[in-house]
Amino acid sequence: MSVTRERILETLRAVTLPDGGDIVSRDMVRALNVEDGAVRFVLEVPADQGPALEPVLKVARERVEAIEGVRSVSALLTAHVADPKAAPTPPNLKIGGHPKPQAGPEPVSGVDRILAVASGKGGVGKSTVSSNLAVALARQGRRVGLLDADIYGPSQHRMMGLNERPKSPDGEQIIPLRNHGVTFISMGLMLKEDEAVVWRGPMLMGALQQLLGQVQWGQLDVLIVDLPPGTGDVQISLAQKTNVTGAIIVSTPQDIALMDARKAINMFEKTNTPVLGMIENMSMYICPKCGNEDHVFGHGGAKSDATRLGLPFLGEIPLDIHVRLAGDAGEPIALGDGPIATAYARIAEGLVKGGMA
């Protein structure tokens, strides 16, 4: 029986940490290599936790050694030590301004794939889907980044439980934050809570260019870009400035939302961006007391549209108060194990198996 990378990650996901979580979702497993039954990996931990996590490394090694087909295991513990000379104060980093000229679309350094999550209109839960999809992909063992490109109305910092201003060593390069196994950046981290962004189109395009090109994303399997609603400057700039792998369209089932979702699909077609499929959010409501299923916004509209347009239907997410509570608390519901987390896990698994993430 051959040993796969996915089987190793599944086993390591059961190795828990003293303060909660597991070593895979916390992105501690690095340099995983599986070849002819020989498994090698590194457990990368914070500098001040190295000795305390030696028992965790021992458990991880024993769990992998017990897998059928594994011949040998090499597992090391490494700890990053912060540079004591590094300046702790935030840089004078200016975001926004006219975009720099480009000859054409350029890759984002270190990023293998870019997935744009879009909708034709606001209020369909696109940002909620983006954060939970990022977490679900991280739980699949992918190296995931999340860019909140909704410059006017950033919300991902709240949903991801982050409020620390990003640092910059030189006033140019931006160090992203990290939580729930996801590398993350948002304009919301650079603004006061109630401060509005009052910019015209060129400033938006310049800010997006900075957040793509000046952020030190590291090595990512996939970068999810949470786009603002509509078909405006940010969407067009993303398609023209970068090599976007494809777009995922989020819609609720009712006709008015689907009408605008079709416009988003048409916009991506005009910019030669592949549309990878549709997700139906708030697809149904299941009463927690009686189990009755209600279709508050209708049901099946996105699936029907996807079929008619020849697009994959990626999945449906129920309407549930716990999604909102989890987002407000900065703990995306995909971190858990309930039916909604399972729905996101299935979508993530489908993207990974399809080579899209």
Protein backbone atom coordinates (compact mmCIF):
# COMPACT_ATOMS: atom_id res chain seq x y z
CA MET A 1 0.00 0.00 0.00
CA SER A 2 1.56 3.31 -1.13
CA VAL A 3 1.87 6.14 1.36
CA THR A 4 0.62 9.54 0.19
CA ARG A 5 1.22 13.08 1.40
CA GLU A 6 -2.51 13.40 2.10
CA ARG A 7 -2.46 10.30 4.33
CA ILE A 8 0.46 11.70 6.33
CA LEU A 9 -1.25 15.07 6.78
CA GLU A 10 -4.48 13.35 7.84
CA THR A 11 -2.55 11.49 10.54
CA LEU A 12 -0.66 14.59 11.71
CA ARG A 13 -3.91 16.54 11.92
CA ALA A 14 -4.77 14.37 14.92
CA VAL A 15 -1.65 15.51 16.79
CA THR A 16 -2.90 18.23 19.13
CA LEU A 17 -1.05 21.06 20.85
CA PRO A 18 -1.15 21.88 24.57
CA ASP A 19 -2.96 25.18 23.93
CA GLY A 20 -5.49 23.69 21.46
CA GLY A 21 -5.52 23.14 17.71
CA ASP A 22 -3.36 20.71 15.80
CA ILE A 23 0.04 20.93 14.15
CA VAL A 24 -1.38 20.92 10.61
CA SER A 25 -4.04 23.61 11.00
CA ARG A 26 -1.49 25.75 12.87
CA ASP A 27 0.86 25.39 9.87
CA MET A 28 3.72 23.88 11.86
CA VAL A 29 4.36 20.98 9.48
CA ARG A 30 6.94 22.06 6.91
CA ALA A 31 9.12 20.42 4.24
CA LEU A 32 6.95 17.29 4.16
CA ASN A 33 8.38 14.77 1.71
CA VAL A 34 7.10 11.26 1.02
CA GLU A 35 9.14 8.96 -1.24
CA ASP A 36 8.99 5.15 -1.44
CA GLY A 37 7.72 4.85 2.14
CA ALA A 38 10.36 7.23 3.54
CA VAL A 39 8.75 10.21 5.26
CA ARG A 40 10.55 13.41 6.19
CA PHE A 41 9.11 16.54 7.77
CA VAL A 42 10.00 19.47 9.98
CA LEU A 43 7.94 20.75 12.90
CA GLU A 44 8.44 24.53 12.93
CA VAL A 45 7.49 26.16 16.24
CA PRO A 46 7.90 29.56 17.93
CA ALA A 47 11.32 30.06 19.53
CA ASP A 48 9.98 30.19 23.09
CA GLN A 49 8.07 26.89 22.71
CA GLY A 50 10.83 24.64 21.33
CA PRO A 51 11.62 22.51 24.41
CA ALA A 52 7.98 22.35 25.50
CA LEU A 53 6.91 20.87 22.16
CA GLU A 54 9.47 18.06 22.02
CA PRO A 55 6.77 15.61 23.28
CA VAL A 56 4.50 16.75 20.43
CA LEU A 57 7.24 15.92 17.92
CA LYS A 58 7.64 12.49 19.53
CA VAL A 59 3.91 11.80 19.20
CA ALA A 60 3.90 12.99 15.59
CA ARG A 61 6.81 10.72 14.71
CA GLU A 62 5.18 7.70 16.39
CA ARG A 63 1.85 8.30 14.64
CA VAL A 64 3.51 8.42 11.23
CA GLU A 65 5.66 5.35 11.96
CA ALA A 66 2.45 3.42 12.69
CA ILE A 67 1.02 4.05 9.21
CA GLU A 68 0.99 0.96 7.02
CA GLY A 69 3.60 1.23 4.29
CA VAL A 70 5.86 3.71 6.08
CA ARG A 71 9.44 2.38 6.15
CA SER A 72 11.23 5.21 7.90
CA VAL A 73 10.50 8.58 9.48
CA SER A 74 12.83 11.57 9.83
CA ALA A 75 11.24 14.35 11.90
CA LEU A 76 13.01 17.44 13.18
CA LEU A 77 11.99 20.33 15.43
CA THR A 78 13.03 23.85 14.45
CA ALA A 79 12.32 27.17 16.16
CA HIS A 80 12.58 30.63 14.65
CA VAL A 81 14.44 33.13 16.78
CA ALA A 82 13.40 36.74 16.36
CA ASP A 83 16.11 39.22 15.38
CA PRO A 84 16.76 41.31 18.52
CA LYS A 85 17.89 44.20 16.31
CA ALA A 86 14.62 44.35 14.41
CA ALA A 87 12.75 47.59 14.97
CA PRO A 88 9.49 46.95 16.86
CA THR A 89 7.84 50.17 15.70
CA PRO A 90 5.56 50.21 12.65
CA PRO A 91 7.03 51.70 9.46
CA ASN A 92 5.96 54.77 7.61
CA LEU A 93 4.16 52.67 5.04
CA LYS A 94 1.93 54.47 2.59
CA ILE A 95 -0.83 52.45 0.94
CA GLY A 96 -2.64 53.81 -2.09
CA GLY A 97 -1.51 55.89 -5.03
CA HIS A 98 -1.48 55.56 -8.78
CA PRO A 99 -0.49 52.09 -9.98
CA LYS A 100 2.92 51.47 -11.49
CA PRO A 101 3.01 50.62 -15.21
CA GLN A 102 3.11 46.92 -16.12
CA ALA A 103 3.70 45.30 -19.48
CA GLY A 104 1.07 42.67 -18.70
CA PRO A 105 -0.10 40.26 -16.00
CA GLU A 106 2.64 39.31 -13.55
CA PRO A 107 2.86 36.40 -11.10
CA VAL A 108 2.81 37.04 -7.36
CA SER A 109 6.14 35.90 -5.94
CA GLY A 110 5.90 32.53 -4.19
CA VAL A 111 2.22 31.99 -5.03
CA ASP A 112 1.26 28.98 -7.17
CA ARG A 113 -2.44 29.75 -7.71
CA ILE A 114 -4.72 32.76 -7.27
CA LEU A 115 -8.44 32.22 -6.70
CA ALA A 116 -10.71 35.27 -6.91
CA VAL A 117 -13.90 34.96 -4.85
CA ALA A 118 -16.49 37.28 -6.35
CA SER A 119 -20.16 38.17 -6.44
CA GLY A 120 -22.27 40.44 -8.56
CA LYS A 121 -23.86 42.13 -5.55
CA GLY A 122 -23.20 42.70 -1.88
CA GLY A 123 -24.86 40.87 0.98
CA VAL A 124 -24.54 37.32 -0.38
CA GLY A 125 -21.85 36.27 2.11
CA LYS A 126 -18.87 36.41 -0.23
CA SER A 127 -16.43 37.49 2.49
CA THR A 128 -17.74 34.81 4.86
CA VAL A 129 -17.24 32.20 2.14
CA SER A 130 -13.71 33.51 1.45
CA SER A 131 -12.50 33.26 5.06
CA ASN A 132 -14.06 29.86 5.63
CA LEU A 133 -12.80 28.50 2.33
CA ALA A 134 -9.28 29.69 3.23
CA VAL A 135 -9.49 27.88 6.59
CA ALA A 136 -10.96 24.75 4.98
CA LEU A 137 -8.12 24.63 2.43
CA ALA A 138 -5.57 25.06 5.21
CA ARG A 139 -7.14 22.09 6.99
CA GLN A 140 -6.62 20.13 3.77
CA GLY A 141 -2.90 20.74 4.22
CA ARG A 142 -2.58 23.55 1.68
CA ARG A 143 -0.43 26.62 2.25
CA VAL A 144 -3.06 29.36 2.02
CA GLY A 145 -3.04 33.13 1.83
CA LEU A 146 -6.07 35.43 2.07
CA LEU A 147 -6.10 38.94 0.59
CA ASP A 148 -9.02 41.18 1.54
CA ALA A 149 -9.32 43.24 -1.65
CA ASP A 150 -12.57 44.89 -0.58
CA ILE A 151 -10.72 48.18 -0.08
CA TYR A 152 -13.81 50.26 0.73
CA GLY A 153 -15.42 47.77 3.10
CA PRO A 154 -12.75 45.44 4.54
CA SER A 155 -14.11 42.89 7.01
CA GLN A 156 -11.77 39.91 6.85
CA HIS A 157 -9.59 41.12 9.73
CA ARG A 158 -12.62 40.77 12.03
CA MET A 159 -13.61 37.39 10.64
CA MET A 160 -10.05 36.08 10.96
CA GLY A 161 -9.65 37.41 14.51
CA LEU A 162 -6.81 39.84 13.71
CA ASN A 163 -6.36 43.52 14.58
CA GLU A 164 -2.59 44.05 14.69
CA ARG A 165 -1.11 46.55 12.24
CA PRO A 166 1.21 44.81 9.75
CA LYS A 167 4.91 45.61 10.06
CA SER A 168 7.34 46.63 7.37
CA PRO A 169 11.14 46.44 7.75
CA ASP A 170 11.81 49.10 5.13
CA GLY A 171 8.58 50.98 4.49
CA GLU A 172 8.14 49.01 1.26
CA GLN A 173 7.78 45.29 1.97
CA ILE A 174 4.79 44.34 4.13
CA ILE A 175 4.87 41.46 6.62
CA PRO A 176 1.45 39.77 6.59
CA LEU A 177 -0.27 38.42 9.70
CA ARG A 178 -1.21 34.81 10.30
CA ASN A 179 -4.07 33.05 12.07
CA HIS A 180 -5.95 29.75 11.77
CA GLY A 181 -3.23 28.43 9.43
CA VAL A 182 -3.83 31.27 6.93
CA THR A 183 -1.43 34.07 5.90
CA PHE A 184 -3.45 37.25 5.74
CA ILE A 185 -3.52 40.95 4.81
CA SER A 186 -6.30 43.53 4.67
CA MET A 187 -6.76 47.29 4.45
CA GLY A 188 -8.81 46.88 7.61
CA LEU A 189 -5.56 46.25 9.51
CA MET A 190 -4.20 49.62 8.40
CA LEU A 191 -7.19 51.80 9.25
CA LYS A 192 -8.90 52.98 12.39
CA GLU A 193 -12.09 51.06 13.17
CA ASP A 194 -14.51 53.65 11.71
CA GLU A 195 -12.18 55.32 9.20
CA ALA A 196 -13.49 55.41 5.63
CA VAL A 197 -11.39 54.97 2.49
CA VAL A 198 -12.23 57.96 0.27
CA TRP A 199 -10.38 57.16 -2.94
CA ARG A 200 -11.05 57.30 -6.64
CA GLY A 201 -10.32 54.40 -8.99
CA PRO A 202 -6.57 54.90 -9.56
CA MET A 203 -5.91 54.87 -5.80
CA LEU A 204 -7.80 51.58 -5.50
CA MET A 205 -5.77 50.04 -8.30
CA GLY A 206 -2.51 51.24 -6.75
CA ALA A 207 -3.45 49.79 -3.36
CA LEU A 208 -4.32 46.42 -4.89
CA GLN A 209 -1.01 46.36 -6.74
CA GLN A 210 0.81 47.02 -3.45
CA LEU A 211 -1.09 44.36 -1.52
CA LEU A 212 -0.27 41.81 -4.21
CA GLY A 213 3.33 42.74 -4.94
CA GLN A 214 4.74 44.22 -1.74
CA VAL A 215 3.40 41.68 0.75
CA GLN A 216 5.88 38.95 1.69
CA TRP A 217 3.48 36.08 1.10
CA GLY A 218 6.14 33.37 1.34
CA GLN A 219 5.50 30.08 -0.44
CA LEU A 220 1.75 29.55 -0.96
CA ASP A 221 -0.16 26.84 -2.76
CA VAL A 222 -3.10 29.20 -3.18
CA LEU A 223 -3.92 32.86 -2.54
CA ILE A 224 -7.62 33.61 -2.10
CA VAL A 225 -8.59 37.15 -3.08
CA ASP A 226 -11.83 38.36 -1.52
CA LEU A 227 -13.11 40.88 -4.07
CA PRO A 228 -15.61 43.68 -3.47
CA PRO A 229 -19.07 43.23 -4.96
CA GLY A 230 -19.70 44.34 -8.52
CA THR A 231 -17.60 44.52 -11.68
CA GLY A 232 -15.46 47.60 -11.11
CA ASP A 233 -11.87 48.79 -10.89
CA VAL A 234 -10.58 46.20 -8.41
CA GLN A 235 -11.93 43.23 -10.35
CA ILE A 236 -10.58 44.51 -13.66
CA SER A 237 -7.20 45.41 -12.14
CA LEU A 238 -6.80 41.96 -10.61
CA ALA A 239 -7.49 40.29 -13.95
CA GLN A 240 -5.11 42.61 -15.81
CA LYS A 241 -2.26 42.79 -13.28
CA THR A 242 -1.92 39.15 -12.20
CA ASN A 243 -2.13 35.60 -13.47
CA VAL A 244 -5.44 34.65 -11.89
CA THR A 245 -6.04 30.89 -11.87
CA GLY A 246 -9.78 31.41 -11.84
CA ALA A 247 -12.82 32.95 -10.19
CA ILE A 248 -15.37 31.42 -7.83
CA ILE A 249 -18.79 33.07 -7.94
CA VAL A 250 -20.85 33.25 -4.74
CA SER A 251 -24.59 33.84 -4.88
CA THR A 252 -27.70 33.29 -2.82
CA PRO A 253 -30.46 31.33 -4.56
CA GLN A 254 -32.93 34.14 -5.34
CA ASP A 255 -33.31 35.55 -8.83
CA ILE A 256 -32.16 39.09 -8.00
CA ALA A 257 -28.80 37.82 -6.70
CA LEU A 258 -28.35 35.39 -9.58
CA MET A 259 -29.02 38.17 -12.08
CA ASP A 260 -26.01 40.08 -10.72
CA ALA A 261 -23.93 36.89 -10.40
CA ARG A 262 -24.36 36.35 -14.14
CA LYS A 263 -22.95 39.85 -14.73
CA ALA A 264 -19.88 38.95 -12.66
CA ILE A 265 -19.43 35.80 -14.73
CA ASN A 266 -19.69 37.83 -17.91
CA MET A 267 -17.08 40.30 -16.63
CA PHE A 268 -14.58 37.51 -15.97
CA GLU A 269 -15.24 36.06 -19.40
CA LYS A 270 -14.47 39.46 -20.96
CA THR A 271 -11.17 39.64 -19.06
CA ASN A 272 -10.24 36.06 -20.07
CA THR A 273 -10.38 34.82 -16.47
CA PRO A 274 -11.64 31.23 -16.11
CA VAL A 275 -14.73 30.83 -13.93
CA LEU A 276 -14.11 27.73 -11.82
CA GLY A 277 -17.66 27.35 -10.55
CA MET A 278 -20.45 28.66 -8.33
CA ILE A 279 -21.23 28.34 -4.63
CA GLU A 280 -24.78 28.78 -3.35
CA ASN A 281 -24.67 30.51 0.05
CA MET A 282 -27.64 30.69 2.46
CA SER A 283 -29.04 27.80 0.47
CA MET A 284 -31.50 26.62 3.11
CA TYR A 285 -32.41 27.05 6.75
CA ILE A 286 -32.84 23.99 8.95
CA CYS A 287 -34.76 24.65 12.17
CA PRO A 288 -32.59 23.53 15.12
CA LYS A 289 -35.70 22.59 17.13
CA CYS A 290 -37.85 20.64 14.68
CA GLY A 291 -35.46 19.92 11.80
CA ASN A 292 -37.77 21.48 9.21
CA GLU A 293 -35.99 22.76 6.11
CA ASP A 294 -37.03 26.23 4.91
CA HIS A 295 -35.88 27.91 1.71
CA VAL A 296 -35.76 31.50 2.91
CA PHE A 297 -34.10 32.80 -0.26
CA GLY A 298 -35.23 30.00 -2.53
CA HIS A 299 -33.12 26.94 -3.25
CA GLY A 300 -31.09 25.52 -6.11
CA GLY A 301 -30.91 28.69 -8.18
CA ALA A 302 -27.11 28.79 -8.31
CA LYS A 303 -26.92 25.09 -9.18
CA SER A 304 -29.44 25.57 -11.95
CA ASP A 305 -27.55 28.56 -13.33
CA ALA A 306 -24.24 26.71 -13.16
CA THR A 307 -25.70 23.81 -15.12
CA ARG A 308 -27.23 26.14 -17.71
CA LEU A 309 -23.96 28.05 -18.14
CA GLY A 310 -21.82 24.90 -18.27
CA LEU A 311 -20.00 25.71 -15.02
CA PRO A 312 -19.16 23.39 -12.12
CA PHE A 313 -21.42 23.69 -9.08
CA LEU A 314 -19.01 23.64 -6.15
CA GLY A 315 -21.46 23.27 -3.28
CA GLU A 316 -24.10 24.86 -1.08
CA ILE A 317 -23.83 26.41 2.38
CA PRO A 318 -26.86 26.52 4.71
CA LEU A 319 -28.10 29.66 6.46
CA ASP A 320 -27.22 29.33 10.14
CA ILE A 321 -26.80 31.80 13.00
CA HIS A 322 -23.60 30.04 14.07
CA VAL A 323 -21.90 31.21 10.86
CA ARG A 324 -22.50 34.81 11.89
CA LEU A 325 -21.49 34.22 15.51
CA ALA A 326 -18.28 32.50 14.45
CA GLY A 327 -17.38 35.30 12.04
CA ASP A 328 -18.02 38.00 14.63
CA ALA A 329 -15.83 36.10 17.10
CA GLY A 330 -12.95 35.81 14.63
CA GLU A 331 -13.21 32.00 14.58
CA PRO A 332 -14.49 30.91 11.13
CA ILE A 333 -16.99 28.09 11.41
CA ALA A 334 -14.86 25.94 9.07
CA LEU A 335 -12.48 25.47 12.02
CA GLY A 336 -15.04 23.19 13.67
CA ASP A 337 -16.56 19.83 12.83
CA GLY A 338 -20.28 20.51 12.32
CA PRO A 339 -22.34 20.19 9.12
CA ILE A 340 -21.36 23.63 7.80
CA ALA A 341 -17.66 22.97 8.41
CA THR A 342 -18.18 19.69 6.53
CA ALA A 343 -19.78 21.58 3.62
CA TYR A 344 -16.75 23.85 3.37
CA ALA A 345 -14.40 20.87 3.68
CA ARG A 346 -16.12 19.19 0.71
CA ILE A 347 -15.76 22.32 -1.42
CA ALA A 348 -12.09 22.63 -0.44
CA GLU A 349 -11.47 18.96 -1.15
CA GLY A 350 -13.06 19.31 -4.57
CA LEU A 351 -10.85 22.27 -5.41
CA VAL A 352 -7.73 20.41 -4.32
CA LYS A 353 -8.62 17.24 -6.24
CA GLY A 354 -9.43 19.32 -9.30
CA GLY A 355 -5.98 20.93 -9.18
CA MET A 356 -7.49 24.37 -8.60
CA ALA A 357 -6.04 24.79 -5.11
